């Protein structure tokens, strides 16, 4: 083999080696590109997940803050509503209390009312001996209807006529006075007690208003009071007949 053949063979070997090297380099490049794309995609997806998680966390925080703010505003509105409702109801009760003062001005009507209140108290107590207290200004009216009230009690209950003692040493407070609005007062009516004082029936107009007010409070809360007339009509039953 001469030098030309040797050189030719060497050139062929070189081309072969170079071709294999280029192919291998291409394979490495393609593989590296694929690995790079895969890793890049993984990194992108990881960042996307991180961003989504961060967004969801912040969205939940915003939702929690919205709920807290809504609850706070709702409670504040509820408190304002209840306060306004209480103001209306208390105003209504105050108006009814003032209207009670007119009851005793009607002497005939108030006299009948006192008799009915005494009969009711006696029926409630059903005691053979009863102590009765009234306002000092009402003592004469009470004395004038007492016998009739005792007889009516006996007719209704078929029991013996009870002994009723009017307390002439301790009287119920007088009607409210504008001079001292915080002083104890009584708009009228009577208080009856068993002889030992263990059972007491407070049948004053103010006590009956409180009872009527508590019984009707749910209804009053649900209905609008347009005027005092409507208010007083709600409490007309605090002037019962026995």
C-alpha atoms as a PDB file:
ATOM      1  CA  UNK A   1       0.000   0.000   0.000  1.00  0.00           C
ATOM      2  CA  UNK A   2       1.537   3.223  -1.081  1.00  0.00           C
ATOM      3  CA  UNK A   3       1.391   6.563   0.619  1.00  0.00           C
ATOM      4  CA  UNK A   4      -1.615   7.777  -1.395  1.00  0.00           C
ATOM      5  CA  UNK A   5      -3.735   4.806  -0.354  1.00  0.00           C
ATOM      6  CA  UNK A   6      -2.744   5.250   3.259  1.00  0.00           C
ATOM      7  CA  UNK A   7      -3.602   8.960   3.149  1.00  0.00           C
ATOM      8  CA  UNK A   8      -6.939   8.193   1.518  1.00  0.00           C
ATOM      9  CA  UNK A   9      -7.787   5.589   4.138  1.00  0.00           C
ATOM     10  CA  UNK A  10      -6.837   7.976   6.912  1.00  0.00           C
ATOM     11  CA  UNK A  11      -9.064  10.679   5.422  1.00  0.00           C
ATOM     12  CA  UNK A  12     -11.979   8.230   5.311  1.00  0.00           C
ATOM     13  CA  UNK A  13     -11.399   7.293   8.937  1.00  0.00           C
ATOM     14  CA  UNK A  14     -11.270  10.953   9.895  1.00  0.00           C
ATOM     15  CA  UNK A  15     -14.545  11.687   8.089  1.00  0.00           C
ATOM     16  CA  UNK A  16     -16.168   8.672   9.766  1.00  0.00           C
ATOM     17  CA  UNK A  17     -14.991   9.716  13.199  1.00  0.00           C
ATOM     18  CA  UNK A  18     -16.064  13.291  12.556  1.00  0.00           C
ATOM     19  CA  UNK A  19     -19.491  12.163  11.345  1.00  0.00           C
ATOM     20  CA  UNK A  20     -19.958   9.996  14.442  1.00  0.00           C
ATOM     21  CA  UNK A  21     -18.798  12.866  16.627  1.00  0.00           C
ATOM     22  CA  UNK A  22     -21.259  15.261  14.959  1.00  0.00           C
ATOM     23  CA  UNK A  23     -24.096  12.747  15.312  1.00  0.00           C
ATOM     24  CA  UNK A  24     -23.205  12.210  18.959  1.00  0.00           C
ATOM     25  CA  UNK A  25     -22.992  15.954  19.479  1.00  0.00           C
ATOM     26  CA  UNK A  26     -26.433  16.350  17.876  1.00  0.00           C
ATOM     27  CA  UNK A  27     -27.847  13.618  20.127  1.00  0.00           C
ATOM     28  CA  UNK A  28     -26.362  15.300  23.153  1.00  0.00           C
ATOM     29  CA  UNK A  29     -27.724  18.665  22.033  1.00  0.00           C
ATOM     30  CA  UNK A  30     -31.208  17.259  21.397  1.00  0.00           C
ATOM     31  CA  UNK A  31     -31.171  15.406  24.740  1.00  0.00           C
ATOM     32  CA  UNK A  32     -29.950  18.520  26.557  1.00  0.00           C
ATOM     33  CA  UNK A  33     -32.659  20.581  24.830  1.00  0.00           C
ATOM     34  CA  UNK A  34     -35.319  18.078  25.880  1.00  0.00           C
ATOM     35  CA  UNK A  35     -34.047  17.965  29.457  1.00  0.00           C
ATOM     36  CA  UNK A  36     -33.916  21.756  29.501  1.00  0.00           C
ATOM     37  CA  UNK A  37     -37.491  22.019  28.205  1.00  0.00           C
ATOM     38  CA  UNK A  38     -38.716  19.435  30.712  1.00  0.00           C
ATOM     39  CA  UNK A  39     -36.964  21.146  33.617  1.00  0.00           C
ATOM     40  CA  UNK A  40     -38.162  24.540  32.396  1.00  0.00           C
ATOM     41  CA  UNK A  41     -41.736  23.215  32.188  1.00  0.00           C
ATOM     42  CA  UNK A  42     -41.442  21.761  35.671  1.00  0.00           C
ATOM     43  CA  UNK A  43     -40.146  25.052  37.014  1.00  0.00           C
ATOM     44  CA  UNK A  44     -42.922  26.959  35.239  1.00  0.00           C
ATOM     45  CA  UNK A  45     -45.574  24.575  36.598  1.00  0.00           C
ATOM     46  CA  UNK A  46     -44.085  24.818  40.085  1.00  0.00           C
ATOM     47  CA  UNK A  47     -44.204  28.606  39.901  1.00  0.00           C
ATOM     48  CA  UNK A  48     -47.758  28.450  38.561  1.00  0.00           C
ATOM     49  CA  UNK A  49     -48.782  26.229  41.476  1.00  0.00           C
ATOM     50  CA  UNK A  50     -47.073  28.578  43.876  1.00  0.00           C
ATOM     51  CA  UNK A  51     -48.848  31.575  42.328  1.00  0.00           C
ATOM     52  CA  UNK A  52     -52.220  29.753  42.390  1.00  0.00           C
ATOM     53  CA  UNK A  53     -51.709  28.712  46.014  1.00  0.00           C
ATOM     54  CA  UNK A  54     -50.719  32.253  46.935  1.00  0.00           C
ATOM     55  CA  UNK A  55     -53.767  33.600  45.080  1.00  0.00           C
ATOM     56  CA  UNK A  56     -56.085  31.086  46.767  1.00  0.00           C
ATOM     57  CA  UNK A  57     -54.603  31.935  50.166  1.00  0.00           C
ATOM     58  CA  UNK A  58     -55.073  35.648  49.576  1.00  0.00           C
ATOM     59  CA  UNK A  59     -58.584  35.062  48.170  1.00  0.00           C
ATOM     60  CA  UNK A  60     -59.498  33.122  51.318  1.00  0.00           C
ATOM     61  CA  UNK A  61     -58.083  35.932  53.458  1.00  0.00           C
ATOM     62  CA  UNK A  62     -60.158  38.448  51.507  1.00  0.00           C
ATOM     63  CA  UNK A  63     -63.251  36.239  51.887  1.00  0.00           C
ATOM     64  CA  UNK A  64     -62.662  35.893  55.629  1.00  0.00           C
ATOM     65  CA  UNK A  65     -62.234  39.664  55.952  1.00  0.00           C
ATOM     66  CA  UNK A  66     -65.428  40.191  53.940  1.00  0.00           C
ATOM     67  CA  UNK A  67     -67.331  37.805  56.198  1.00  0.00           C
ATOM     68  CA  UNK A  68     -65.935  39.473  59.312  1.00  0.00           C
ATOM     69  CA  UNK A  69     -66.809  42.916  57.954  1.00  0.00           C
ATOM     70  CA  UNK A  70     -70.281  41.720  56.953  1.00  0.00           C
ATOM     71  CA  UNK A  71     -70.837  40.157  60.366  1.00  0.00           C
ATOM     72  CA  UNK A  72     -69.609  43.334  62.070  1.00  0.00           C
ATOM     73  CA  UNK A  73     -71.891  45.540  59.986  1.00  0.00           C
ATOM     74  CA  UNK A  74     -74.795  43.130  60.473  1.00  0.00           C
ATOM     75  CA  UNK A  75     -74.326  43.154  64.239  1.00  0.00           C
ATOM     76  CA  UNK A  76     -74.026  46.931  64.255  1.00  0.00           C
ATOM     77  CA  UNK A  77     -77.222  47.214  62.192  1.00  0.00           C
ATOM     78  CA  UNK A  78     -78.964  44.716  64.457  1.00  0.00           C
ATOM     79  CA  UNK A  79     -77.930  46.691  67.530  1.00  0.00           C
ATOM     80  CA  UNK A  80     -79.183  49.919  65.952  1.00  0.00           C
ATOM     81  CA  UNK A  81     -82.452  48.228  65.023  1.00  0.00           C
ATOM     82  CA  UNK A  82     -82.944  46.797  68.514  1.00  0.00           C
ATOM     83  CA  UNK A  83     -82.087  50.153  70.066  1.00  0.00           C
ATOM     84  CA  UNK A  84     -84.571  51.939  67.819  1.00  0.00           C
ATOM     85  CA  UNK A  85     -87.132  49.240  68.564  1.00  0.00           C
ATOM     86  CA  UNK A  86     -86.562  49.593  72.301  1.00  0.00           C
ATOM     87  CA  UNK A  87     -86.854  53.360  72.012  1.00  0.00           C
ATOM     88  CA  UNK A  88     -90.235  53.028  70.268  1.00  0.00           C
ATOM     89  CA  UNK A  89     -91.480  50.412  72.731  1.00  0.00           C
ATOM     90  CA  UNK A  90     -90.302  52.381  75.770  1.00  0.00           C
ATOM     91  CA  UNK A  91     -91.874  55.525  74.360  1.00  0.00           C
ATOM     92  CA  UNK A  92     -95.087  53.603  73.860  1.00  0.00           C
ATOM     93  CA  UNK A  93     -94.992  52.313  77.434  1.00  0.00           C
ATOM     94  CA  UNK A  94     -94.288  55.813  78.765  1.00  0.00           C
ATOM     95  CA  UNK A  95     -97.260  57.133  76.825  1.00  0.00           C
ATOM     96  CA  UNK A  96     -99.473  54.360  78.194  1.00  0.00           C
ATOM     97  CA  UNK A  97     -98.233  55.114  81.724  1.00  0.00           C
ATOM     98  CA  UNK A  98     -99.173  58.768  81.313  1.00  0.00           C
ATOM     99  CA  UNK A  99    -102.586  57.755  80.009  1.00  0.00           C
ATOM    100  CA  UNK A 100    -103.158  55.741  83.213  1.00  0.00           C
ATOM    101  CA  UNK A 101    -103.216  58.994  85.163  1.00  0.00           C
ATOM    102  CA  UNK A 102    -106.481  59.896  83.415  1.00  0.00           C
ATOM    103  CA  UNK A 103    -108.181  56.743  84.686  1.00  0.00           C
ATOM    104  CA  UNK A 104    -108.537  57.997  88.251  1.00  0.00           C
ATOM    105  CA  UNK A 105    -109.952  61.302  87.009  1.00  0.00           C
ATOM    106  CA  UNK A 106    -113.152  59.518  85.995  1.00  0.00           C
ATOM    107  CA  UNK A 107    -114.534  58.981  89.505  1.00  0.00           C
ATOM    108  CA  UNK A 108    -117.392  56.664  88.543  1.00  0.00           C
ATOM    109  CA  UNK A 109    -115.304  54.601  86.173  1.00  0.00           C
ATOM    110  CA  UNK A 110    -112.373  54.475  88.601  1.00  0.00           C
ATOM    111  CA  UNK A 111    -114.693  53.450  91.432  1.00  0.00           C
ATOM    112  CA  UNK A 112    -115.945  50.466  89.395  1.00  0.00           C
ATOM    113  CA  UNK A 113    -112.387  49.649  88.440  1.00  0.00           C
ATOM    114  CA  UNK A 114    -111.256  49.606  92.074  1.00  0.00           C
ATOM    115  CA  UNK A 115    -114.066  47.228  92.926  1.00  0.00           C
ATOM    116  CA  UNK A 116    -113.100  44.902  90.061  1.00  0.00           C
ATOM    117  CA  UNK A 117    -109.439  44.999  91.048  1.00  0.00           C
ATOM    118  CA  UNK A 118    -110.289  44.104  94.636  1.00  0.00           C
ATOM    119  CA  UNK A 119    -112.496  41.204  93.495  1.00  0.00           C
ATOM    120  CA  UNK A 120    -109.738  39.912  91.224  1.00  0.00           C
ATOM    121  CA  UNK A 121    -107.188  40.120  94.023  1.00  0.00           C
ATOM    122  CA  UNK A 122    -109.480  38.259  96.421  1.00  0.00           C
ATOM    123  CA  UNK A 123    -110.106  35.532  93.843  1.00  0.00           C
ATOM    124  CA  UNK A 124    -106.401  35.180  93.256  1.00  0.00           C
ATOM    125  CA  UNK A 125    -105.583  34.974  96.977  1.00  0.00           C
ATOM    126  CA  UNK A 126    -108.597  32.993  98.221  1.00  0.00           C
ATOM    127  CA  UNK A 127    -107.602  33.831 101.781  1.00  0.00           C
ATOM    128  CA  UNK A 128    -110.052  34.153 104.698  1.00  0.00           C
ATOM    129  CA  UNK A 129    -108.300  37.292 105.942  1.00  0.00           C
ATOM    130  CA  UNK A 130    -106.689  39.870 103.665  1.00  0.00           C
ATOM    131  CA  UNK A 131    -104.745  43.107 104.155  1.00  0.00           C
ATOM    132  CA  UNK A 132    -105.494  45.780 101.539  1.00  0.00           C
ATOM    133  CA  UNK A 133    -103.359  48.787 100.709  1.00  0.00           C
ATOM    134  CA  UNK A 134    -104.269  51.663  98.437  1.00  0.00           C
ATOM    135  CA  UNK A 135    -103.270  55.238  97.812  1.00  0.00           C
ATOM    136  CA  UNK A 136    -104.295  57.578 100.569  1.00  0.00           C
ATOM    137  CA  UNK A 137    -106.325  59.602  98.103  1.00  0.00           C
ATOM    138  CA  UNK A 138    -108.249  56.427  97.126  1.00  0.00           C
ATOM    139  CA  UNK A 139    -109.107  55.324 100.659  1.00  0.00           C
ATOM    140  CA  UNK A 140    -112.635  56.753 100.568  1.00  0.00           C
ATOM    141  CA  UNK A 141    -113.420  55.097  97.232  1.00  0.00           C
ATOM    142  CA  UNK A 142    -112.018  51.780  98.408  1.00  0.00           C
ATOM    143  CA  UNK A 143    -114.120  51.893 101.569  1.00  0.00           C
ATOM    144  CA  UNK A 144    -117.204  52.667  99.506  1.00  0.00           C
ATOM    145  CA  UNK A 145    -116.840  49.598  97.254  1.00  0.00           C
ATOM    146  CA  UNK A 146    -115.300  47.116  99.694  1.00  0.00           C
ATOM    147  CA  UNK A 147    -118.490  45.444 100.877  1.00  0.00           C
ATOM    148  CA  UNK A 148    -119.794  45.092  97.339  1.00  0.00           C
ATOM    149  CA  UNK A 149    -116.459  43.632  96.235  1.00  0.00           C
ATOM    150  CA  UNK A 150    -116.491  41.059  99.064  1.00  0.00           C
ATOM    151  CA  UNK A 151    -120.037  40.042  98.218  1.00  0.00           C
ATOM    152  CA  UNK A 152    -119.199  39.699  94.537  1.00  0.00           C
ATOM    153  CA  UNK A 153    -116.185  37.547  95.470  1.00  0.00           C
ATOM    154  CA  UNK A 154    -118.416  35.247  97.531  1.00  0.00           C
ATOM    155  CA  UNK A 155    -120.937  34.960  94.702  1.00  0.00           C
ATOM    156  CA  UNK A 156    -118.268  34.082  92.187  1.00  0.00           C
ATOM    157  CA  UNK A 157    -116.279  31.609  94.312  1.00  0.00           C
ATOM    158  CA  UNK A 158    -119.094  30.246  96.533  1.00  0.00           C
ATOM    159  CA  UNK A 159    -116.760  30.830  99.489  1.00  0.00           C
ATOM    160  CA  UNK A 160    -117.311  32.663 102.750  1.00  0.00           C
ATOM    161  CA  UNK A 161    -116.952  36.438 102.673  1.00  0.00           C
ATOM    162  CA  UNK A 162    -113.331  37.209 103.575  1.00  0.00           C
ATOM    163  CA  UNK A 163    -112.204  39.652 106.223  1.00  0.00           C
ATOM    164  CA  UNK A 164    -110.542  42.591 104.445  1.00  0.00           C
ATOM    165  CA  UNK A 165    -108.539  45.067 106.526  1.00  0.00           C
ATOM    166  CA  UNK A 166    -107.602  48.376 104.935  1.00  0.00           C
ATOM    167  CA  UNK A 167    -104.109  49.400 105.998  1.00  0.00           C
ATOM    168  CA  UNK A 168    -104.510  52.937 107.322  1.00  0.00           C
ATOM    169  CA  UNK A 169    -100.882  53.276 108.385  1.00  0.00           C
ATOM    170  CA  UNK A 170     -99.053  52.407 105.146  1.00  0.00           C
ATOM    171  CA  UNK A 171    -100.367  53.699 101.837  1.00  0.00           C
ATOM    172  CA  UNK A 172     -99.267  53.165  98.255  1.00  0.00           C
ATOM    173  CA  UNK A 173     -97.250  56.036  96.745  1.00  0.00           C
ATOM    174  CA  UNK A 174     -99.185  58.909  95.179  1.00  0.00           C
ATOM    175  CA  UNK A 175     -99.464  59.579  91.464  1.00  0.00           C
ATOM    176  CA  UNK A 176     -96.207  60.525  89.730  1.00  0.00           C
ATOM    177  CA  UNK A 177     -95.186  64.153  90.081  1.00  0.00           C
ATOM    178  CA  UNK A 178     -93.219  66.132  87.534  1.00  0.00           C
ATOM    179  CA  UNK A 179     -91.198  67.694  90.355  1.00  0.00           C
ATOM    180  CA  UNK A 180     -89.446  64.391  91.091  1.00  0.00           C
ATOM    181  CA  UNK A 181     -89.777  61.955  88.162  1.00  0.00           C
ATOM    182  CA  UNK A 182     -87.580  59.380  89.929  1.00  0.00           C
ATOM    183  CA  UNK A 183     -89.699  59.130  93.090  1.00  0.00           C
ATOM    184  CA  UNK A 184     -91.874  56.093  93.764  1.00  0.00           C
ATOM    185  CA  UNK A 185     -95.381  56.468  92.400  1.00  0.00           C
ATOM    186  CA  UNK A 186     -98.644  54.612  91.879  1.00  0.00           C
ATOM    187  CA  UNK A 187    -101.194  55.486  89.205  1.00  0.00           C
ATOM    188  CA  UNK A 188    -103.988  53.744  91.084  1.00  0.00           C
ATOM    189  CA  UNK A 189    -105.286  50.325  92.032  1.00  0.00           C
ATOM    190  CA  UNK A 190    -104.711  48.190  95.114  1.00  0.00           C
ATOM    191  CA  UNK A 191    -102.306  45.701  96.659  1.00  0.00           C
ATOM    192  CA  UNK A 192    -103.732  42.759  98.596  1.00  0.00           C
ATOM    193  CA  UNK A 193    -101.805  40.350 100.799  1.00  0.00           C
ATOM    194  CA  UNK A 194    -102.496  37.381 103.004  1.00  0.00           C
ATOM    195  CA  UNK A 195    -102.581  38.142 106.720  1.00  0.00           C
ATOM    196  CA  UNK A 196     -99.068  36.741 107.229  1.00  0.00           C
ATOM    197  CA  UNK A 197     -97.782  38.764 104.260  1.00  0.00           C
ATOM    198  CA  UNK A 198     -96.346  35.701 102.488  1.00  0.00           C
ATOM    199  CA  UNK A 199     -98.698  35.974  99.496  1.00  0.00           C
ATOM    200  CA  UNK A 200     -99.050  39.330  97.766  1.00  0.00           C
ATOM    201  CA  UNK A 201    -101.257  40.305  94.841  1.00  0.00           C
ATOM    202  CA  UNK A 202    -100.123  43.602  93.346  1.00  0.00           C
ATOM    203  CA  UNK A 203    -103.153  44.755  91.398  1.00  0.00           C
ATOM    204  CA  UNK A 204    -102.159  48.351  90.744  1.00  0.00           C
ATOM    205  CA  UNK A 205    -102.611  49.923  87.332  1.00  0.00           C
ATOM    206  CA  UNK A 206     -98.856  50.166  86.935  1.00  0.00           C
ATOM    207  CA  UNK A 207     -98.392  46.479  87.774  1.00  0.00           C
ATOM    208  CA  UNK A 208    -101.112  45.487  85.327  1.00  0.00           C
ATOM    209  CA  UNK A 209     -99.479  47.619  82.648  1.00  0.00           C
ATOM    210  CA  UNK A 210     -96.181  45.813  83.245  1.00  0.00           C
ATOM    211  CA  UNK A 211     -97.906  42.433  82.948  1.00  0.00           C
ATOM    212  CA  UNK A 212     -99.759  43.472  79.803  1.00  0.00           C
ATOM    213  CA  UNK A 213     -96.570  44.932  78.388  1.00  0.00           C
ATOM    214  CA  UNK A 214     -94.607  41.697  78.930  1.00  0.00           C
ATOM    215  CA  UNK A 215     -97.401  39.590  77.454  1.00  0.00           C
ATOM    216  CA  UNK A 216     -97.784  41.770  74.382  1.00  0.00           C
ATOM    217  CA  UNK A 217     -94.103  42.593  73.864  1.00  0.00           C
ATOM    218  CA  UNK A 218     -93.519  40.040  71.045  1.00  0.00           C
ATOM    219  CA  UNK A 219     -96.601  41.340  69.230  1.00  0.00           C
ATOM    220  CA  UNK A 220     -95.571  44.944  69.796  1.00  0.00           C
ATOM    221  CA  UNK A 221     -92.113  44.198  68.353  1.00  0.00           C
ATOM    222  CA  UNK A 222     -93.674  42.820  65.199  1.00  0.00           C
ATOM    223  CA  UNK A 223     -96.150  45.601  64.568  1.00  0.00           C
ATOM    224  CA  UNK A 224     -95.588  49.244  63.780  1.00  0.00           C
ATOM    225  CA  UNK A 225     -96.981  51.790  66.222  1.00  0.00           C
ATOM    226  CA  UNK A 226     -98.229  54.750  64.203  1.00  0.00           C
ATOM    227  CA  UNK A 227     -99.664  56.776  67.052  1.00  0.00           C
ATOM    228  CA  UNK A 228    -100.332  56.776  70.744  1.00  0.00           C
ATOM    229  CA  UNK A 229    -103.967  55.904  70.071  1.00  0.00           C
ATOM    230  CA  UNK A 230    -102.876  52.590  68.608  1.00  0.00           C
ATOM    231  CA  UNK A 231    -100.544  52.137  71.537  1.00  0.00           C
ATOM    232  CA  UNK A 232    -103.200  52.761  74.154  1.00  0.00           C
ATOM    233  CA  UNK A 233    -105.650  50.481  72.394  1.00  0.00           C
ATOM    234  CA  UNK A 234    -103.153  47.671  72.834  1.00  0.00           C
ATOM    235  CA  UNK A 235    -103.269  48.169  76.587  1.00  0.00           C
ATOM    236  CA  UNK A 236    -106.976  48.766  76.989  1.00  0.00           C
ATOM    237  CA  UNK A 237    -107.267  45.354  78.606  1.00  0.00           C
ATOM    238  CA  UNK A 238    -105.231  46.515  81.612  1.00  0.00           C
ATOM    239  CA  UNK A 239    -108.569  47.846  82.880  1.00  0.00           C
ATOM    240  CA  UNK A 240    -110.290  44.474  83.347  1.00  0.00           C
ATOM    241  CA  UNK A 241    -113.620  43.574  84.789  1.00  0.00           C
ATOM    242  CA  UNK A 242    -113.776  40.766  87.284  1.00  0.00           C
END
